[in-house]
């Protein structure tokens, strides 16, 4: 029998008893796509202006003046210019490395969760998961880039009236709100289609185009179930944030008390250092666990939908009401 409670309980069980998945959860979180709170975060923070601003930050790379100045710097002070170039290349290398890790980790959680759900114990582990993740790197990267570009373009369209008028009169704001309300379902639908498309790539070994086609079909055929699941996970994320805040306070409180007791400057900063370290560790562990749980939940739902066992709560309630009505008539 299809049950959200059962799906979420199984995902939590796998997340808690297979803590090696948290390793992937740490890096998959860098994508900002693991939890449904990211959809809300995008809706609240993102718009056309921020998209343009974000893109403009990197436009300097294509300016000829930058490369002219770099050549001039090498001619004037080769040592300093070489150091600057090395730092730039190292930064770029770290960025590429993190992208590879994050994309591979996203695919690895899906693969490992599917095997754990199906009790396939032979091919599990960090190394096995990473190998599978790397084998699906390019199509999964393509889906992530495509969905982020589409969502950014939609936010740009929403903010276009404000950008063009450069004002905040009631007509402009009204148009903005109307567009916002129209496009929110599209943004959420695209996010969910992307989840299914990536699952098709990892679990069913689909190509990039096949995964988009099948992900779209699966979402259309199960849109109510998908939206119900998204709402549940959003609520879980909200509750999780409150729990995390309480946990953080419990971790930091002793350090605050010690900091107040010891007035010595050196001891105070030593305590502050340990408090910050503890804070970072708690955030990383909690974030990686939550991200692993969310991706595992979507993976389990995906497997259920492939078996055609998904039935929305709304539909089940309707069927239950019909059965009760029939009984009363009889």
Protein backbone atom coordinates (compact mmCIF):
# COMPACT_ATOMS: atom_id res chain seq x y z
CA UNK A 1 0.00 0.00 0.00
CA UNK A 2 1.27 3.47 -0.96
CA UNK A 3 2.02 5.68 2.05
CA UNK A 4 4.04 8.90 2.37
CA UNK A 5 4.67 8.04 6.01
CA UNK A 6 6.23 4.73 5.01
CA UNK A 7 8.37 6.34 2.29
CA UNK A 8 9.68 9.02 4.68
CA UNK A 9 10.28 6.47 7.45
CA UNK A 10 12.28 4.22 5.11
CA UNK A 11 14.30 7.20 3.83
CA UNK A 12 15.05 8.27 7.41
CA UNK A 13 16.01 4.73 8.36
CA UNK A 14 18.45 4.46 5.45
CA UNK A 15 19.89 7.91 6.18
CA UNK A 16 20.46 7.17 9.86
CA UNK A 17 21.83 3.62 9.52
CA UNK A 18 24.10 4.34 6.54
CA UNK A 19 26.04 7.37 7.70
CA UNK A 20 28.56 7.04 4.86
CA UNK A 21 25.82 8.64 2.73
CA UNK A 22 26.35 11.85 4.72
CA UNK A 23 29.69 12.22 2.93
CA UNK A 24 27.78 12.56 -0.34
CA UNK A 25 25.18 14.74 1.37
CA UNK A 26 27.81 17.34 2.29
CA UNK A 27 28.84 17.89 -1.32
CA UNK A 28 25.40 17.41 -2.89
CA UNK A 29 24.22 20.28 -0.67
CA UNK A 30 26.53 22.60 -2.64
CA UNK A 31 24.10 22.29 -5.57
CA UNK A 32 21.31 23.87 -3.52
CA UNK A 33 18.89 21.27 -4.90
CA UNK A 34 18.75 18.70 -2.27
CA UNK A 35 15.90 20.06 -0.15
CA UNK A 36 12.58 21.55 -1.12
CA UNK A 37 13.37 24.62 1.02
CA UNK A 38 15.65 25.62 -1.86
CA UNK A 39 12.57 26.23 -4.03
CA UNK A 40 11.20 28.59 -1.38
CA UNK A 41 14.63 30.17 -1.00
CA UNK A 42 14.82 30.81 -4.75
CA UNK A 43 11.32 32.27 -4.80
CA UNK A 44 12.11 34.62 -1.89
CA UNK A 45 15.61 35.71 -2.91
CA UNK A 46 15.95 35.26 -6.66
CA UNK A 47 14.67 37.61 -9.33
CA UNK A 48 15.70 38.98 -12.69
CA UNK A 49 17.81 41.76 -11.25
CA UNK A 50 19.85 39.43 -9.05
CA UNK A 51 20.33 37.09 -12.02
CA UNK A 52 21.70 39.94 -14.13
CA UNK A 53 23.87 41.15 -11.25
CA UNK A 54 25.18 37.63 -10.68
CA UNK A 55 26.06 37.17 -14.32
CA UNK A 56 27.68 40.62 -14.52
CA UNK A 57 30.13 39.61 -11.76
CA UNK A 58 31.77 37.16 -14.15
CA UNK A 59 31.60 39.28 -17.29
CA UNK A 60 35.06 40.71 -16.57
CA UNK A 61 36.56 37.37 -17.71
CA UNK A 62 35.57 38.18 -21.29
CA UNK A 63 36.88 41.75 -21.24
CA UNK A 64 40.01 42.27 -23.33
CA UNK A 65 41.26 44.85 -20.82
CA UNK A 66 41.75 42.14 -18.19
CA UNK A 67 44.04 40.11 -20.43
CA UNK A 68 45.87 43.21 -21.63
CA UNK A 69 46.53 44.21 -18.02
CA UNK A 70 47.66 40.68 -17.21
CA UNK A 71 50.20 40.79 -20.05
CA UNK A 72 51.35 44.21 -18.88
CA UNK A 73 51.73 42.89 -15.30
CA UNK A 74 53.93 40.02 -16.51
CA UNK A 75 56.12 42.48 -18.34
CA UNK A 76 56.41 44.81 -15.30
CA UNK A 77 56.55 42.30 -12.42
CA UNK A 78 56.64 38.65 -13.57
CA UNK A 79 56.90 37.31 -9.99
CA UNK A 80 53.76 39.03 -8.68
CA UNK A 81 51.82 38.32 -11.86
CA UNK A 82 52.80 34.64 -11.69
CA UNK A 83 51.59 34.40 -8.08
CA UNK A 84 48.29 36.07 -9.02
CA UNK A 85 47.85 33.68 -11.97
CA UNK A 86 48.64 30.63 -9.80
CA UNK A 87 46.10 31.75 -7.19
CA UNK A 88 43.51 32.24 -9.95
CA UNK A 89 44.20 28.80 -11.44
CA UNK A 90 44.10 27.14 -7.99
CA UNK A 91 40.76 28.82 -7.26
CA UNK A 92 39.44 27.61 -10.60
CA UNK A 93 40.76 24.08 -9.95
CA UNK A 94 39.08 23.97 -6.51
CA UNK A 95 35.83 25.21 -8.04
CA UNK A 96 35.93 22.51 -10.75
CA UNK A 97 36.80 19.87 -8.15
CA UNK A 98 33.82 20.89 -5.97
CA UNK A 99 31.48 20.85 -8.99
CA UNK A 100 32.62 17.31 -9.86
CA UNK A 101 32.20 16.19 -6.24
CA UNK A 102 28.76 17.80 -5.84
CA UNK A 103 27.33 16.40 -9.10
CA UNK A 104 28.83 12.95 -8.49
CA UNK A 105 27.53 12.97 -4.90
CA UNK A 106 24.00 13.82 -6.02
CA UNK A 107 24.01 10.83 -8.39
CA UNK A 108 25.73 8.65 -5.78
CA UNK A 109 23.00 9.20 -3.15
CA UNK A 110 20.31 8.24 -5.68
CA UNK A 111 22.21 5.12 -6.70
CA UNK A 112 23.07 4.04 -3.16
CA UNK A 113 19.59 4.79 -1.80
CA UNK A 114 18.02 2.70 -4.57
CA UNK A 115 20.32 -0.23 -3.76
CA UNK A 116 19.67 0.07 -0.03
CA UNK A 117 15.91 0.22 -0.59
CA UNK A 118 16.15 -2.91 -2.76
CA UNK A 119 18.56 -4.58 -0.27
CA UNK A 120 21.37 -4.83 -2.83
CA UNK A 121 24.30 -4.97 -0.38
CA UNK A 122 27.08 -5.83 -2.84
CA UNK A 123 27.56 -2.48 -4.57
CA UNK A 124 27.34 -0.06 -1.64
CA UNK A 125 30.00 2.17 -0.10
CA UNK A 126 31.67 5.52 -0.70
CA UNK A 127 34.00 4.29 -3.45
CA UNK A 128 31.22 2.40 -5.27
CA UNK A 129 28.87 5.35 -5.00
CA UNK A 130 31.47 7.81 -6.24
CA UNK A 131 32.30 5.63 -9.24
CA UNK A 132 28.63 5.45 -10.20
CA UNK A 133 28.25 9.20 -9.63
CA UNK A 134 31.22 10.01 -11.86
CA UNK A 135 29.92 7.71 -14.61
CA UNK A 136 26.74 9.83 -14.80
CA UNK A 137 28.51 13.18 -14.31
CA UNK A 138 27.85 14.89 -17.65
CA UNK A 139 24.11 14.22 -18.09
CA UNK A 140 23.41 15.04 -14.41
CA UNK A 141 25.45 18.22 -14.74
CA UNK A 142 23.48 19.06 -17.88
CA UNK A 143 20.15 18.68 -16.06
CA UNK A 144 21.36 20.87 -13.18
CA UNK A 145 22.60 23.60 -15.51
CA UNK A 146 19.46 23.47 -17.67
CA UNK A 147 17.08 23.74 -14.71
CA UNK A 148 19.02 26.60 -13.11
CA UNK A 149 19.10 28.51 -16.41
CA UNK A 150 15.37 27.99 -16.98
CA UNK A 151 14.46 29.08 -13.44
CA UNK A 152 16.78 32.10 -13.64
CA UNK A 153 15.22 33.07 -16.98
CA UNK A 154 11.72 32.80 -15.49
CA UNK A 155 12.70 35.02 -12.55
CA UNK A 156 14.16 37.46 -15.06
CA UNK A 157 10.81 37.54 -16.89
CA UNK A 158 8.98 38.09 -13.60
CA UNK A 159 11.21 41.03 -12.69
CA UNK A 160 11.29 42.50 -16.23
CA UNK A 161 8.47 45.04 -15.61
CA UNK A 162 10.32 46.37 -12.54
CA UNK A 163 13.63 46.50 -14.42
CA UNK A 164 12.15 48.30 -17.45
CA UNK A 165 10.13 50.86 -15.48
CA UNK A 166 12.79 51.30 -12.77
CA UNK A 167 10.00 52.20 -10.40
CA UNK A 168 7.71 50.86 -7.75
CA UNK A 169 4.30 52.24 -8.77
CA UNK A 170 1.23 50.13 -8.02
CA UNK A 171 0.75 49.05 -11.67
CA UNK A 172 4.30 47.68 -11.92
CA UNK A 173 4.02 45.92 -8.57
CA UNK A 174 0.65 44.45 -9.54
CA UNK A 175 2.08 43.05 -12.77
CA UNK A 176 5.05 41.69 -10.81
CA UNK A 177 2.79 39.90 -8.29
CA UNK A 178 0.54 38.47 -11.05
CA UNK A 179 3.55 37.13 -12.99
CA UNK A 180 4.98 35.79 -9.76
CA UNK A 181 1.81 33.83 -8.98
CA UNK A 182 1.58 32.54 -12.57
CA UNK A 183 5.17 31.33 -12.73
CA UNK A 184 5.52 29.78 -9.24
CA UNK A 185 3.77 26.51 -10.30
CA UNK A 186 6.01 26.36 -13.39
CA UNK A 187 9.16 26.84 -11.30
CA UNK A 188 8.14 24.12 -8.84
CA UNK A 189 7.16 21.78 -11.70
CA UNK A 190 10.53 22.29 -13.41
CA UNK A 191 12.33 21.50 -10.14
CA UNK A 192 10.38 18.27 -9.73
CA UNK A 193 10.85 17.24 -13.38
CA UNK A 194 14.59 17.75 -12.88
CA UNK A 195 14.56 15.38 -9.87
CA UNK A 196 12.84 12.65 -11.86
CA UNK A 197 15.09 13.23 -14.90
CA UNK A 198 18.24 12.77 -12.79
CA UNK A 199 16.73 9.61 -11.25
CA UNK A 200 16.06 8.25 -14.75
CA UNK A 201 19.71 8.91 -15.67
CA UNK A 202 21.12 7.16 -12.58
CA UNK A 203 18.63 4.34 -12.04
CA UNK A 204 17.37 3.63 -15.57
CA UNK A 205 20.57 4.67 -17.40
CA UNK A 206 18.66 7.06 -19.68
CA UNK A 207 20.45 9.50 -21.97
CA UNK A 208 20.14 13.25 -21.35
CA UNK A 209 17.20 13.74 -23.75
CA UNK A 210 15.49 10.49 -22.76
CA UNK A 211 15.64 11.45 -19.09
CA UNK A 212 13.98 14.82 -19.71
CA UNK A 213 11.23 13.19 -21.78
CA UNK A 214 10.60 10.43 -19.21
CA UNK A 215 10.93 12.83 -16.26
CA UNK A 216 8.29 15.09 -17.82
CA UNK A 217 5.93 12.15 -18.45
CA UNK A 218 6.35 10.80 -14.92
CA UNK A 219 5.63 14.21 -13.42
CA UNK A 220 2.56 14.83 -15.61
CA UNK A 221 1.14 11.40 -14.74
CA UNK A 222 1.83 11.92 -11.03
CA UNK A 223 1.73 15.69 -10.58
CA UNK A 224 -0.55 15.63 -7.51
CA UNK A 225 1.56 12.98 -5.75
CA UNK A 226 4.73 14.94 -6.59
CA UNK A 227 3.32 18.22 -5.25
CA UNK A 228 2.07 16.53 -2.08
CA UNK A 229 5.52 15.06 -1.51
CA UNK A 230 7.13 18.44 -2.13
CA UNK A 231 4.83 20.09 0.44
CA UNK A 232 5.61 17.38 3.01
CA UNK A 233 9.36 17.82 2.53
CA UNK A 234 9.05 21.60 2.72
CA UNK A 235 7.28 21.24 6.08
CA UNK A 236 9.93 18.76 7.25
CA UNK A 237 12.66 21.21 6.25
CA UNK A 238 10.96 24.04 8.16
CA UNK A 239 10.64 21.88 11.30
CA UNK A 240 14.24 20.72 10.82
CA UNK A 241 15.47 24.32 10.78
CA UNK A 242 13.80 24.96 14.15
CA UNK A 243 15.33 21.76 15.56
CA UNK A 244 18.72 22.80 14.22
CA UNK A 245 18.43 26.22 15.86
CA UNK A 246 17.65 24.58 19.22
CA UNK A 247 20.55 22.18 18.72
CA UNK A 248 22.91 25.03 17.84
CA UNK A 249 21.86 26.94 20.95
CA UNK A 250 22.48 23.83 23.07
CA UNK A 251 25.96 23.49 21.57
CA UNK A 252 26.92 27.18 21.80
CA UNK A 253 25.35 27.98 25.20
CA UNK A 254 28.18 26.40 27.28
CA UNK A 255 30.76 28.37 25.29
CA UNK A 256 28.83 31.61 25.83
CA UNK A 257 28.72 30.96 29.58
CA UNK A 258 32.46 30.18 29.66
CA UNK A 259 33.15 33.32 27.63
CA UNK A 260 31.28 35.42 30.18
CA UNK A 261 33.08 33.76 33.09
CA UNK A 262 36.59 34.24 31.70
CA UNK A 263 37.39 37.88 31.03
CA UNK A 264 40.91 37.10 29.84
CA UNK A 265 41.25 38.23 26.20
CA UNK A 266 43.21 35.15 25.04
CA UNK A 267 40.90 32.66 26.77
CA UNK A 268 37.84 34.48 25.39
CA UNK A 269 39.03 34.16 21.78
CA UNK A 270 40.08 30.55 22.36
CA UNK A 271 36.55 29.78 23.57
CA UNK A 272 35.13 31.70 20.59
CA UNK A 273 37.26 29.59 18.23
CA UNK A 274 35.99 26.32 19.75
CA UNK A 275 32.41 27.63 19.66
CA UNK A 276 32.73 28.50 15.97
CA UNK A 277 34.30 25.10 15.21
CA UNK A 278 31.47 23.29 17.03
CA UNK A 279 28.93 25.43 15.16
CA UNK A 280 30.42 24.58 11.77
CA UNK A 281 30.57 20.84 12.58
CA UNK A 282 26.92 20.77 13.70
CA UNK A 283 25.81 22.69 10.59
CA UNK A 284 27.73 20.39 8.25
CA UNK A 285 26.47 17.19 9.88
CA UNK A 286 22.87 18.37 10.10
CA UNK A 287 22.86 19.73 6.54
CA UNK A 288 24.41 16.59 5.06
CA UNK A 289 21.97 14.33 6.94
CA UNK A 290 18.95 16.41 5.88
CA UNK A 291 20.10 16.54 2.27
CA UNK A 292 20.66 12.77 2.21
CA UNK A 293 17.20 12.19 3.68
CA UNK A 294 15.48 14.44 1.10
CA UNK A 295 17.21 12.89 -1.92
CA UNK A 296 16.54 9.39 -0.54
CA UNK A 297 12.85 10.27 -0.09
CA UNK A 298 12.56 11.38 -3.71
CA UNK A 299 14.39 8.25 -4.83
CA UNK A 300 11.95 6.01 -2.96
CA UNK A 301 8.98 7.92 -4.38
CA UNK A 302 10.49 7.59 -7.87
CA UNK A 303 10.77 3.80 -7.44
CA UNK A 304 7.16 3.63 -6.24
CA UNK A 305 5.92 5.68 -9.19
CA UNK A 306 7.76 3.43 -11.63
CA UNK A 307 5.86 0.50 -10.10
CA UNK A 308 2.65 2.53 -10.63
CA UNK A 309 1.99 2.36 -6.89
CA UNK A 310 1.75 6.10 -6.33
CA UNK A 311 -1.65 7.42 -5.32
CA UNK A 312 -2.20 10.95 -4.06
CA UNK A 313 -3.68 11.66 -0.64
CA UNK A 314 -6.46 13.65 -2.31
CA UNK A 315 -7.42 10.68 -4.49
CA UNK A 316 -7.30 8.29 -1.53
CA UNK A 317 -9.55 10.58 0.51
CA UNK A 318 -12.05 10.76 -2.36
CA UNK A 319 -12.08 6.97 -2.68
CA UNK A 320 -12.52 6.62 1.08
CA UNK A 321 -15.45 9.06 1.03
CA UNK A 322 -17.08 7.13 -1.85
CA UNK A 323 -16.74 3.84 0.02
CA UNK A 324 -18.33 5.35 3.13
CA UNK A 325 -21.19 6.78 1.04
CA UNK A 326 -21.83 3.38 -0.57
CA UNK A 327 -21.88 1.69 2.85
CA UNK A 328 -24.43 4.18 4.16
CA UNK A 329 -26.66 3.61 1.12
CA UNK A 330 -26.45 -0.15 1.53
